[in-house]
């Protein structure tokens, strides 16, 4: 699977942990930074990941900031993205199976590395269930295209 990943300064440590996990799991990835711990603006880092996923350059994206909130808001402004802010394993599974989320957002100041790794592993392993959920995801697209 091709993964785009980025963070802001508040998510740098967790991003590095998740990159290590992606390597362990055998996924290819592109790291959109940032390169250091200097303060940056999260929309600047959410945008290239979201655009890459929406364009089909990546299968999925992962965004991390202090809370995950800013990244998820910014990501969901890009047409074609369904970014889910997740801080538990159940929601990670549900958002893939039911919402066909293509970007995962997490907050480094909210969860630890161990839980984040479980969330990522669960989210990456799930497929969209389709069925009755297709109609609902299509309705999201209709709102987006209105």
C-alpha atoms as a PDB file:
ATOM      1  CA  UNK A   1       0.000   0.000   0.000  1.00  0.00           C
ATOM      2  CA  UNK A   2       1.224   3.517  -0.809  1.00  0.00           C
ATOM      3  CA  UNK A   3       0.875   5.857   2.176  1.00  0.00           C
ATOM      4  CA  UNK A   4       1.336   9.630   2.381  1.00  0.00           C
ATOM      5  CA  UNK A   5       2.239  10.820   5.881  1.00  0.00           C
ATOM      6  CA  UNK A   6       2.796  14.204   7.474  1.00  0.00           C
ATOM      7  CA  UNK A   7       2.527  16.079  10.740  1.00  0.00           C
ATOM      8  CA  UNK A   8       3.074  19.462  12.202  1.00  0.00           C
ATOM      9  CA  UNK A   9       5.578  20.165  14.968  1.00  0.00           C
ATOM     10  CA  UNK A  10       3.113  18.792  17.555  1.00  0.00           C
ATOM     11  CA  UNK A  11       3.023  15.411  15.839  1.00  0.00           C
ATOM     12  CA  UNK A  12       6.649  14.953  14.823  1.00  0.00           C
ATOM     13  CA  UNK A  13       7.537  12.259  17.365  1.00  0.00           C
ATOM     14  CA  UNK A  14       4.475  10.147  16.662  1.00  0.00           C
ATOM     15  CA  UNK A  15       4.962  10.556  12.887  1.00  0.00           C
ATOM     16  CA  UNK A  16       8.467   9.109  13.209  1.00  0.00           C
ATOM     17  CA  UNK A  17       7.065   6.185  15.221  1.00  0.00           C
ATOM     18  CA  UNK A  18       4.393   5.503  12.589  1.00  0.00           C
ATOM     19  CA  UNK A  19       6.942   5.720   9.762  1.00  0.00           C
ATOM     20  CA  UNK A  20       8.929   3.003  11.530  1.00  0.00           C
ATOM     21  CA  UNK A  21       5.739   0.932  11.732  1.00  0.00           C
ATOM     22  CA  UNK A  22       4.997   1.431   8.027  1.00  0.00           C
ATOM     23  CA  UNK A  23       8.482   0.152   7.234  1.00  0.00           C
ATOM     24  CA  UNK A  24       7.971  -2.858   9.517  1.00  0.00           C
ATOM     25  CA  UNK A  25       4.655  -3.620   7.792  1.00  0.00           C
ATOM     26  CA  UNK A  26       6.252  -3.362   4.345  1.00  0.00           C
ATOM     27  CA  UNK A  27       4.257  -0.380   3.087  1.00  0.00           C
ATOM     28  CA  UNK A  28       5.779   2.247   0.840  1.00  0.00           C
ATOM     29  CA  UNK A  29       5.347   5.813   2.005  1.00  0.00           C
ATOM     30  CA  UNK A  30       6.211   9.389   1.287  1.00  0.00           C
ATOM     31  CA  UNK A  31       7.020  11.595   4.247  1.00  0.00           C
ATOM     32  CA  UNK A  32       5.847  15.166   3.707  1.00  0.00           C
ATOM     33  CA  UNK A  33       7.597  16.402   6.830  1.00  0.00           C
ATOM     34  CA  UNK A  34       8.290  18.632   8.572  1.00  0.00           C
ATOM     35  CA  UNK A  35      12.032  18.161   8.712  1.00  0.00           C
ATOM     36  CA  UNK A  36      12.519  19.546  12.245  1.00  0.00           C
ATOM     37  CA  UNK A  37      10.623  20.570  15.385  1.00  0.00           C
ATOM     38  CA  UNK A  38      10.207  24.244  14.468  1.00  0.00           C
ATOM     39  CA  UNK A  39       6.657  25.542  14.712  1.00  0.00           C
ATOM     40  CA  UNK A  40       4.751  25.126  11.424  1.00  0.00           C
ATOM     41  CA  UNK A  41       1.180  25.615  10.236  1.00  0.00           C
ATOM     42  CA  UNK A  42      -0.701  22.311  10.012  1.00  0.00           C
ATOM     43  CA  UNK A  43      -2.750  23.219   6.884  1.00  0.00           C
ATOM     44  CA  UNK A  44       0.507  23.441   4.921  1.00  0.00           C
ATOM     45  CA  UNK A  45       1.232  19.814   5.820  1.00  0.00           C
ATOM     46  CA  UNK A  46      -2.299  18.446   5.519  1.00  0.00           C
ATOM     47  CA  UNK A  47      -2.750  19.799   1.997  1.00  0.00           C
ATOM     48  CA  UNK A  48      -0.148  17.786   0.043  1.00  0.00           C
ATOM     49  CA  UNK A  49      -1.175  14.537   1.732  1.00  0.00           C
ATOM     50  CA  UNK A  50      -4.865  15.198   1.066  1.00  0.00           C
ATOM     51  CA  UNK A  51      -4.282  16.244  -2.531  1.00  0.00           C
ATOM     52  CA  UNK A  52      -2.094  13.196  -3.171  1.00  0.00           C
ATOM     53  CA  UNK A  53      -4.674  10.804  -1.759  1.00  0.00           C
ATOM     54  CA  UNK A  54      -7.554  12.503  -3.600  1.00  0.00           C
ATOM     55  CA  UNK A  55      -5.592  12.346  -6.869  1.00  0.00           C
ATOM     56  CA  UNK A  56      -4.922   8.627  -6.438  1.00  0.00           C
ATOM     57  CA  UNK A  57      -1.163   9.053  -6.047  1.00  0.00           C
ATOM     58  CA  UNK A  58      -1.459   7.340  -2.654  1.00  0.00           C
ATOM     59  CA  UNK A  59      -3.828   4.679  -1.389  1.00  0.00           C
ATOM     60  CA  UNK A  60      -4.173   6.289   2.022  1.00  0.00           C
ATOM     61  CA  UNK A  61      -2.821   9.116   4.135  1.00  0.00           C
ATOM     62  CA  UNK A  62      -1.910   9.631   7.771  1.00  0.00           C
ATOM     63  CA  UNK A  63      -1.834  13.062   9.431  1.00  0.00           C
ATOM     64  CA  UNK A  64      -0.697  13.849  12.957  1.00  0.00           C
ATOM     65  CA  UNK A  65      -0.745  17.038  14.992  1.00  0.00           C
ATOM     66  CA  UNK A  66      -1.110  17.758  18.691  1.00  0.00           C
ATOM     67  CA  UNK A  67      -4.786  16.804  18.818  1.00  0.00           C
ATOM     68  CA  UNK A  68      -5.467  15.648  15.257  1.00  0.00           C
ATOM     69  CA  UNK A  69      -8.305  18.161  15.045  1.00  0.00           C
ATOM     70  CA  UNK A  70      -6.599  20.809  12.929  1.00  0.00           C
ATOM     71  CA  UNK A  71      -5.198  18.261  10.505  1.00  0.00           C
ATOM     72  CA  UNK A  72      -8.574  16.558  10.067  1.00  0.00           C
ATOM     73  CA  UNK A  73     -10.377  19.853   9.453  1.00  0.00           C
ATOM     74  CA  UNK A  74      -7.791  20.947   6.883  1.00  0.00           C
ATOM     75  CA  UNK A  75      -7.712  17.550   5.152  1.00  0.00           C
ATOM     76  CA  UNK A  76     -11.471  17.412   4.765  1.00  0.00           C
ATOM     77  CA  UNK A  77     -11.435  20.683   2.813  1.00  0.00           C
ATOM     78  CA  UNK A  78      -9.815  18.846  -0.115  1.00  0.00           C
ATOM     79  CA  UNK A  79     -12.402  17.322  -2.435  1.00  0.00           C
ATOM     80  CA  UNK A  80     -12.195  13.550  -2.456  1.00  0.00           C
ATOM     81  CA  UNK A  81     -10.811  13.084   1.033  1.00  0.00           C
ATOM     82  CA  UNK A  82     -12.580  11.417   3.896  1.00  0.00           C
ATOM     83  CA  UNK A  83     -10.325  12.083   6.846  1.00  0.00           C
ATOM     84  CA  UNK A  84     -11.280  10.509  10.161  1.00  0.00           C
ATOM     85  CA  UNK A  85      -9.922  11.692  13.497  1.00  0.00           C
ATOM     86  CA  UNK A  86      -9.391   8.501  15.492  1.00  0.00           C
ATOM     87  CA  UNK A  87      -8.120   7.839  18.998  1.00  0.00           C
ATOM     88  CA  UNK A  88      -9.383   4.285  19.572  1.00  0.00           C
ATOM     89  CA  UNK A  89      -9.189   0.948  17.755  1.00  0.00           C
ATOM     90  CA  UNK A  90     -12.957   0.466  17.377  1.00  0.00           C
ATOM     91  CA  UNK A  91     -13.322   3.769  15.519  1.00  0.00           C
ATOM     92  CA  UNK A  92     -10.316   2.948  13.319  1.00  0.00           C
ATOM     93  CA  UNK A  93     -12.055  -0.213  12.160  1.00  0.00           C
ATOM     94  CA  UNK A  94     -15.473   1.412  11.822  1.00  0.00           C
ATOM     95  CA  UNK A  95     -14.288   4.374   9.768  1.00  0.00           C
ATOM     96  CA  UNK A  96     -12.676   2.112   7.192  1.00  0.00           C
ATOM     97  CA  UNK A  97     -15.497  -0.426   7.071  1.00  0.00           C
ATOM     98  CA  UNK A  98     -18.390   2.037   7.100  1.00  0.00           C
ATOM     99  CA  UNK A  99     -17.057   5.412   5.911  1.00  0.00           C
ATOM    100  CA  UNK A 100     -14.308   4.313   3.509  1.00  0.00           C
ATOM    101  CA  UNK A 101     -11.991   6.855   5.120  1.00  0.00           C
ATOM    102  CA  UNK A 102      -8.853   7.406   3.092  1.00  0.00           C
ATOM    103  CA  UNK A 103      -6.962   9.584   5.573  1.00  0.00           C
ATOM    104  CA  UNK A 104      -6.375   8.909   9.257  1.00  0.00           C
ATOM    105  CA  UNK A 105      -5.738  11.776  11.681  1.00  0.00           C
ATOM    106  CA  UNK A 106      -4.385  11.315  15.200  1.00  0.00           C
ATOM    107  CA  UNK A 107      -3.200  13.531  18.030  1.00  0.00           C
ATOM    108  CA  UNK A 108       0.220  12.973  19.573  1.00  0.00           C
ATOM    109  CA  UNK A 109      -0.823  14.841  22.734  1.00  0.00           C
ATOM    110  CA  UNK A 110      -3.944  12.669  23.046  1.00  0.00           C
ATOM    111  CA  UNK A 111      -2.679   9.096  22.615  1.00  0.00           C
ATOM    112  CA  UNK A 112       0.584   7.262  23.107  1.00  0.00           C
ATOM    113  CA  UNK A 113       2.696   5.484  20.548  1.00  0.00           C
ATOM    114  CA  UNK A 114       1.477   2.000  21.483  1.00  0.00           C
ATOM    115  CA  UNK A 115      -2.181   2.837  20.942  1.00  0.00           C
ATOM    116  CA  UNK A 116      -1.357   4.814  17.798  1.00  0.00           C
ATOM    117  CA  UNK A 117       0.384   1.758  16.363  1.00  0.00           C
ATOM    118  CA  UNK A 118      -2.680  -0.400  17.103  1.00  0.00           C
ATOM    119  CA  UNK A 119      -4.926   2.187  15.450  1.00  0.00           C
ATOM    120  CA  UNK A 120      -2.751   2.370  12.344  1.00  0.00           C
ATOM    121  CA  UNK A 121      -2.463  -1.415  12.039  1.00  0.00           C
ATOM    122  CA  UNK A 122      -6.229  -1.800  12.378  1.00  0.00           C
ATOM    123  CA  UNK A 123      -7.038   1.047   9.986  1.00  0.00           C
ATOM    124  CA  UNK A 124      -4.645  -0.194   7.308  1.00  0.00           C
ATOM    125  CA  UNK A 125      -5.915  -3.776   7.552  1.00  0.00           C
ATOM    126  CA  UNK A 126      -9.591  -2.958   7.016  1.00  0.00           C
ATOM    127  CA  UNK A 127     -11.445  -2.882   3.729  1.00  0.00           C
ATOM    128  CA  UNK A 128     -14.571  -0.884   2.983  1.00  0.00           C
ATOM    129  CA  UNK A 129     -17.599  -3.138   3.517  1.00  0.00           C
ATOM    130  CA  UNK A 130     -19.632  -1.613   0.711  1.00  0.00           C
ATOM    131  CA  UNK A 131     -23.279  -2.639   0.746  1.00  0.00           C
ATOM    132  CA  UNK A 132     -25.540  -0.166   2.523  1.00  0.00           C
ATOM    133  CA  UNK A 133     -22.505   2.010   3.276  1.00  0.00           C
ATOM    134  CA  UNK A 134     -21.940   2.814  -0.414  1.00  0.00           C
ATOM    135  CA  UNK A 135     -25.121   4.880  -0.501  1.00  0.00           C
ATOM    136  CA  UNK A 136     -24.002   6.862   2.537  1.00  0.00           C
ATOM    137  CA  UNK A 137     -20.517   7.562   1.196  1.00  0.00           C
ATOM    138  CA  UNK A 138     -22.079   8.638  -2.116  1.00  0.00           C
ATOM    139  CA  UNK A 139     -24.253  11.093  -0.198  1.00  0.00           C
ATOM    140  CA  UNK A 140     -21.109  12.580   1.334  1.00  0.00           C
ATOM    141  CA  UNK A 141     -19.748  13.050  -2.190  1.00  0.00           C
ATOM    142  CA  UNK A 142     -23.003  14.705  -3.241  1.00  0.00           C
ATOM    143  CA  UNK A 143     -22.663  17.228  -0.415  1.00  0.00           C
ATOM    144  CA  UNK A 144     -19.056  17.810  -1.424  1.00  0.00           C
ATOM    145  CA  UNK A 145     -20.013  18.408  -5.058  1.00  0.00           C
ATOM    146  CA  UNK A 146     -22.967  20.702  -4.296  1.00  0.00           C
END
